[in-house]
Amino acid sequence: MYCSLADVKDELYLPLLQQMRVRFPGDELDVFLEKHVLSATDYVDSILSQAFSVPIELDEDGKAPSSVRTATAKMAAFFALAIFSEQEELFKDRRDAAREMLDALVASGRLPGRDVLGVRRIQWGSDARRFTKDVMSRW
């Protein structure tokens, strides 16, 4: 999972989060949200796979890059609200922001804070064993 349940809860409006806590007592809310985090992670992977190897590697602390984590939390909040409430349009801004973030990552071919190039980008250079200086000097 690219984000935590706390990340998703931070994306929810406080009154809606309180309504969800009433509807899903105890650990039920966490189970409900975790299902949507998994769906959002799959969605994020489907978009990022255009430019990166997925799943994205987590750092030593088990965290995804912050932009990926934020986009995943926004999508998970949108997915959860779409199931919980008839007012998912309230969270359309979250969905749109997440998609814009993911599209920008794909377009740039880089993950902020990581030295990872997209896998479908042109890689410059050649195999030194085939195109040695001697071979190249004869051209």
C-alpha atoms as a PDB file:
ATOM      1  CA  MET A   1       0.000   0.000   0.000  1.00  0.00           C
ATOM      2  CA  TYR A   2       1.320   3.409  -0.946  1.00  0.00           C
ATOM      3  CA  CYS A   3      -0.405   5.303   1.867  1.00  0.00           C
ATOM      4  CA  SER A   4      -1.509   4.721   5.420  1.00  0.00           C
ATOM      5  CA  LEU A   5      -5.017   4.769   6.805  1.00  0.00           C
ATOM      6  CA  ALA A   6      -4.073   7.991   8.616  1.00  0.00           C
ATOM      7  CA  ASP A   7      -3.218   9.573   5.238  1.00  0.00           C
ATOM      8  CA  VAL A   8      -6.708   8.711   3.970  1.00  0.00           C
ATOM      9  CA  LYS A   9      -8.394   9.980   7.125  1.00  0.00           C
ATOM     10  CA  ASP A  10      -6.520  13.272   6.714  1.00  0.00           C
ATOM     11  CA  GLU A  11      -8.143  13.642   3.277  1.00  0.00           C
ATOM     12  CA  LEU A  12     -11.679  13.211   4.626  1.00  0.00           C
ATOM     13  CA  TYR A  13     -13.761  16.145   5.818  1.00  0.00           C
ATOM     14  CA  LEU A  14     -14.064  15.937   9.603  1.00  0.00           C
ATOM     15  CA  PRO A  15     -17.899  15.707   9.686  1.00  0.00           C
ATOM     16  CA  LEU A  16     -17.816  12.858   7.159  1.00  0.00           C
ATOM     17  CA  LEU A  17     -15.063  11.096   9.062  1.00  0.00           C
ATOM     18  CA  GLN A  18     -17.166  11.341  12.220  1.00  0.00           C
ATOM     19  CA  GLN A  19     -20.191   9.917  10.372  1.00  0.00           C
ATOM     20  CA  MET A  20     -18.024   7.056   9.137  1.00  0.00           C
ATOM     21  CA  ARG A  21     -16.816   6.335  12.688  1.00  0.00           C
ATOM     22  CA  VAL A  22     -20.437   6.081  13.825  1.00  0.00           C
ATOM     23  CA  ARG A  23     -21.368   3.839  10.881  1.00  0.00           C
ATOM     24  CA  PHE A  24     -18.224   1.676  11.214  1.00  0.00           C
ATOM     25  CA  PRO A  25     -17.486   1.259  14.959  1.00  0.00           C
ATOM     26  CA  GLY A  26     -14.215  -0.094  16.315  1.00  0.00           C
ATOM     27  CA  ASP A  27     -11.883  -1.514  13.682  1.00  0.00           C
ATOM     28  CA  GLU A  28     -14.576  -1.657  11.014  1.00  0.00           C
ATOM     29  CA  LEU A  29     -13.633   1.787   9.683  1.00  0.00           C
ATOM     30  CA  ASP A  30     -10.002   0.752   9.247  1.00  0.00           C
ATOM     31  CA  VAL A  31     -11.068  -2.424   7.416  1.00  0.00           C
ATOM     32  CA  PHE A  32     -13.397  -0.378   5.190  1.00  0.00           C
ATOM     33  CA  LEU A  33     -10.682   2.178   4.382  1.00  0.00           C
ATOM     34  CA  GLU A  34      -7.973  -0.436   3.852  1.00  0.00           C
ATOM     35  CA  LYS A  35     -10.039  -2.016   1.085  1.00  0.00           C
ATOM     36  CA  HIS A  36     -10.162   1.349  -0.663  1.00  0.00           C
ATOM     37  CA  VAL A  37      -6.455   2.006  -0.130  1.00  0.00           C
ATOM     38  CA  LEU A  38      -5.752  -1.277  -1.925  1.00  0.00           C
ATOM     39  CA  SER A  39      -8.057  -0.257  -4.790  1.00  0.00           C
ATOM     40  CA  ALA A  40      -6.435   3.180  -4.969  1.00  0.00           C
ATOM     41  CA  THR A  41      -2.979   1.577  -5.002  1.00  0.00           C
ATOM     42  CA  ASP A  42      -4.049  -0.565  -7.969  1.00  0.00           C
ATOM     43  CA  TYR A  43      -5.395   2.529  -9.711  1.00  0.00           C
ATOM     44  CA  VAL A  44      -2.148   4.446  -9.093  1.00  0.00           C
ATOM     45  CA  ASP A  45      -0.139   1.491 -10.419  1.00  0.00           C
ATOM     46  CA  SER A  46      -2.273   1.385 -13.575  1.00  0.00           C
ATOM     47  CA  ILE A  47      -1.491   5.044 -14.293  1.00  0.00           C
ATOM     48  CA  LEU A  48       2.189   4.984 -13.301  1.00  0.00           C
ATOM     49  CA  SER A  49       2.827   1.798 -15.297  1.00  0.00           C
ATOM     50  CA  GLN A  50       2.891   4.007 -18.400  1.00  0.00           C
ATOM     51  CA  ALA A  51       6.304   5.306 -17.310  1.00  0.00           C
ATOM     52  CA  PHE A  52       7.549   3.314 -14.312  1.00  0.00           C
ATOM     53  CA  SER A  53       7.992  -0.263 -13.171  1.00  0.00           C
ATOM     54  CA  VAL A  54       5.215  -0.980 -10.720  1.00  0.00           C
ATOM     55  CA  PRO A  55       4.705  -1.513  -7.899  1.00  0.00           C
ATOM     56  CA  ILE A  56       6.828   1.474  -6.912  1.00  0.00           C
ATOM     57  CA  GLU A  57       9.574   0.510  -4.502  1.00  0.00           C
ATOM     58  CA  LEU A  58       9.048   1.702  -0.954  1.00  0.00           C
ATOM     59  CA  ASP A  59      11.909   3.339   0.955  1.00  0.00           C
ATOM     60  CA  GLU A  60      13.616   1.795   3.978  1.00  0.00           C
ATOM     61  CA  ASP A  61      10.812   3.136   6.197  1.00  0.00           C
ATOM     62  CA  GLY A  62       8.224   1.380   4.048  1.00  0.00           C
ATOM     63  CA  LYS A  63       6.920   4.606   2.495  1.00  0.00           C
ATOM     64  CA  ALA A  64       6.194   5.508  -1.106  1.00  0.00           C
ATOM     65  CA  PRO A  65       7.374   8.854  -2.507  1.00  0.00           C
ATOM     66  CA  SER A  66       5.254  11.641  -1.014  1.00  0.00           C
ATOM     67  CA  SER A  67       3.561  12.531  -4.312  1.00  0.00           C
ATOM     68  CA  VAL A  68       2.530   8.897  -4.846  1.00  0.00           C
ATOM     69  CA  ARG A  69       1.398   8.626  -1.223  1.00  0.00           C
ATOM     70  CA  THR A  70      -0.689  11.807  -1.506  1.00  0.00           C
ATOM     71  CA  ALA A  71      -2.311  10.781  -4.794  1.00  0.00           C
ATOM     72  CA  THR A  72      -3.143   7.351  -3.389  1.00  0.00           C
ATOM     73  CA  ALA A  73      -4.685   8.840  -0.234  1.00  0.00           C
ATOM     74  CA  LYS A  74      -6.825  11.221  -2.304  1.00  0.00           C
ATOM     75  CA  MET A  75      -8.071   8.390  -4.523  1.00  0.00           C
ATOM     76  CA  ALA A  76      -8.760   6.116  -1.544  1.00  0.00           C
ATOM     77  CA  ALA A  77     -10.773   8.893   0.127  1.00  0.00           C
ATOM     78  CA  PHE A  78     -12.759   9.381  -3.081  1.00  0.00           C
ATOM     79  CA  PHE A  79     -13.416   5.634  -3.463  1.00  0.00           C
ATOM     80  CA  ALA A  80     -14.496   5.312   0.178  1.00  0.00           C
ATOM     81  CA  LEU A  81     -16.823   8.278  -0.009  1.00  0.00           C
ATOM     82  CA  ALA A  82     -18.351   7.038  -3.271  1.00  0.00           C
ATOM     83  CA  ILE A  83     -19.432   3.874  -1.423  1.00  0.00           C
ATOM     84  CA  PHE A  84     -20.342   5.557   1.866  1.00  0.00           C
ATOM     85  CA  SER A  85     -22.277   8.567   0.636  1.00  0.00           C
ATOM     86  CA  GLU A  86     -24.381   9.675  -2.292  1.00  0.00           C
ATOM     87  CA  GLN A  87     -22.379  12.902  -2.335  1.00  0.00           C
ATOM     88  CA  GLU A  88     -19.176  11.683  -3.939  1.00  0.00           C
ATOM     89  CA  GLU A  89     -19.095  14.873  -6.005  1.00  0.00           C
ATOM     90  CA  LEU A  90     -17.880  16.582  -2.806  1.00  0.00           C
ATOM     91  CA  PHE A  91     -14.634  14.691  -3.306  1.00  0.00           C
ATOM     92  CA  LYS A  92     -14.340  15.135  -7.056  1.00  0.00           C
ATOM     93  CA  ASP A  93     -11.579  17.665  -6.358  1.00  0.00           C
ATOM     94  CA  ARG A  94      -9.580  14.935  -4.590  1.00  0.00           C
ATOM     95  CA  ARG A  95      -9.968  12.571  -7.525  1.00  0.00           C
ATOM     96  CA  ASP A  96      -9.057  15.266 -10.058  1.00  0.00           C
ATOM     97  CA  ALA A  97      -6.028  16.407  -8.047  1.00  0.00           C
ATOM     98  CA  ALA A  98      -4.792  12.831  -7.711  1.00  0.00           C
ATOM     99  CA  ARG A  99      -5.133  12.197 -11.444  1.00  0.00           C
ATOM    100  CA  GLU A 100      -3.317  15.453 -12.274  1.00  0.00           C
ATOM    101  CA  MET A 101      -0.469  14.483  -9.935  1.00  0.00           C
ATOM    102  CA  LEU A 102      -0.155  11.047 -11.496  1.00  0.00           C
ATOM    103  CA  ASP A 103      -0.275  12.430 -15.037  1.00  0.00           C
ATOM    104  CA  ALA A 104       2.479  14.913 -14.132  1.00  0.00           C
ATOM    105  CA  LEU A 105       4.652  12.097 -12.767  1.00  0.00           C
ATOM    106  CA  VAL A 106       4.154  10.075 -15.940  1.00  0.00           C
ATOM    107  CA  ALA A 107       4.935  13.096 -18.125  1.00  0.00           C
ATOM    108  CA  SER A 108       8.100  13.945 -16.202  1.00  0.00           C
ATOM    109  CA  GLY A 109       9.326  10.364 -15.996  1.00  0.00           C
ATOM    110  CA  ARG A 110      10.744  11.018 -12.533  1.00  0.00           C
ATOM    111  CA  LEU A 111       9.626  10.434  -8.981  1.00  0.00           C
ATOM    112  CA  PRO A 112      10.441  13.455  -6.781  1.00  0.00           C
ATOM    113  CA  GLY A 113      13.039  12.612  -4.175  1.00  0.00           C
ATOM    114  CA  ARG A 114      14.144   9.482  -5.987  1.00  0.00           C
ATOM    115  CA  ASP A 115      16.823   8.906  -8.577  1.00  0.00           C
ATOM    116  CA  VAL A 116      14.491   6.729 -10.592  1.00  0.00           C
ATOM    117  CA  LEU A 117      14.015   7.272 -14.293  1.00  0.00           C
ATOM    118  CA  GLY A 118      10.905   5.993 -15.952  1.00  0.00           C
ATOM    119  CA  VAL A 119      11.451   2.606 -17.585  1.00  0.00           C
ATOM    120  CA  ARG A 120       9.912   3.626 -20.865  1.00  0.00           C
ATOM    121  CA  ARG A 121      12.224   6.568 -21.408  1.00  0.00           C
ATOM    122  CA  ILE A 122      15.159   6.628 -23.809  1.00  0.00           C
ATOM    123  CA  GLN A 123      18.320   5.496 -22.104  1.00  0.00           C
ATOM    124  CA  TRP A 124      21.432   7.067 -23.588  1.00  0.00           C
ATOM    125  CA  GLY A 125      24.670   5.189 -23.955  1.00  0.00           C
ATOM    126  CA  SER A 126      25.799   1.943 -25.454  1.00  0.00           C
ATOM    127  CA  ASP A 127      27.088  -1.412 -24.469  1.00  0.00           C
ATOM    128  CA  ALA A 128      30.820  -0.826 -23.964  1.00  0.00           C
ATOM    129  CA  ARG A 129      31.617  -4.423 -24.976  1.00  0.00           C
ATOM    130  CA  ARG A 130      30.217  -4.021 -28.493  1.00  0.00           C
ATOM    131  CA  PHE A 131      31.011  -0.420 -29.241  1.00  0.00           C
ATOM    132  CA  THR A 132      34.507  -0.101 -27.915  1.00  0.00           C
ATOM    133  CA  LYS A 133      36.692   2.898 -28.693  1.00  0.00           C
ATOM    134  CA  ASP A 134      38.629   0.766 -31.170  1.00  0.00           C
ATOM    135  CA  VAL A 135      35.491  -0.240 -33.076  1.00  0.00           C
ATOM    136  CA  MET A 136      34.144   3.294 -33.037  1.00  0.00           C
ATOM    137  CA  SER A 137      37.448   4.761 -34.288  1.00  0.00           C
ATOM    138  CA  ARG A 138      37.198   2.643 -37.460  1.00  0.00           C
ATOM    139  CA  TRP A 139      33.942   4.257 -38.544  1.00  0.00           C
END
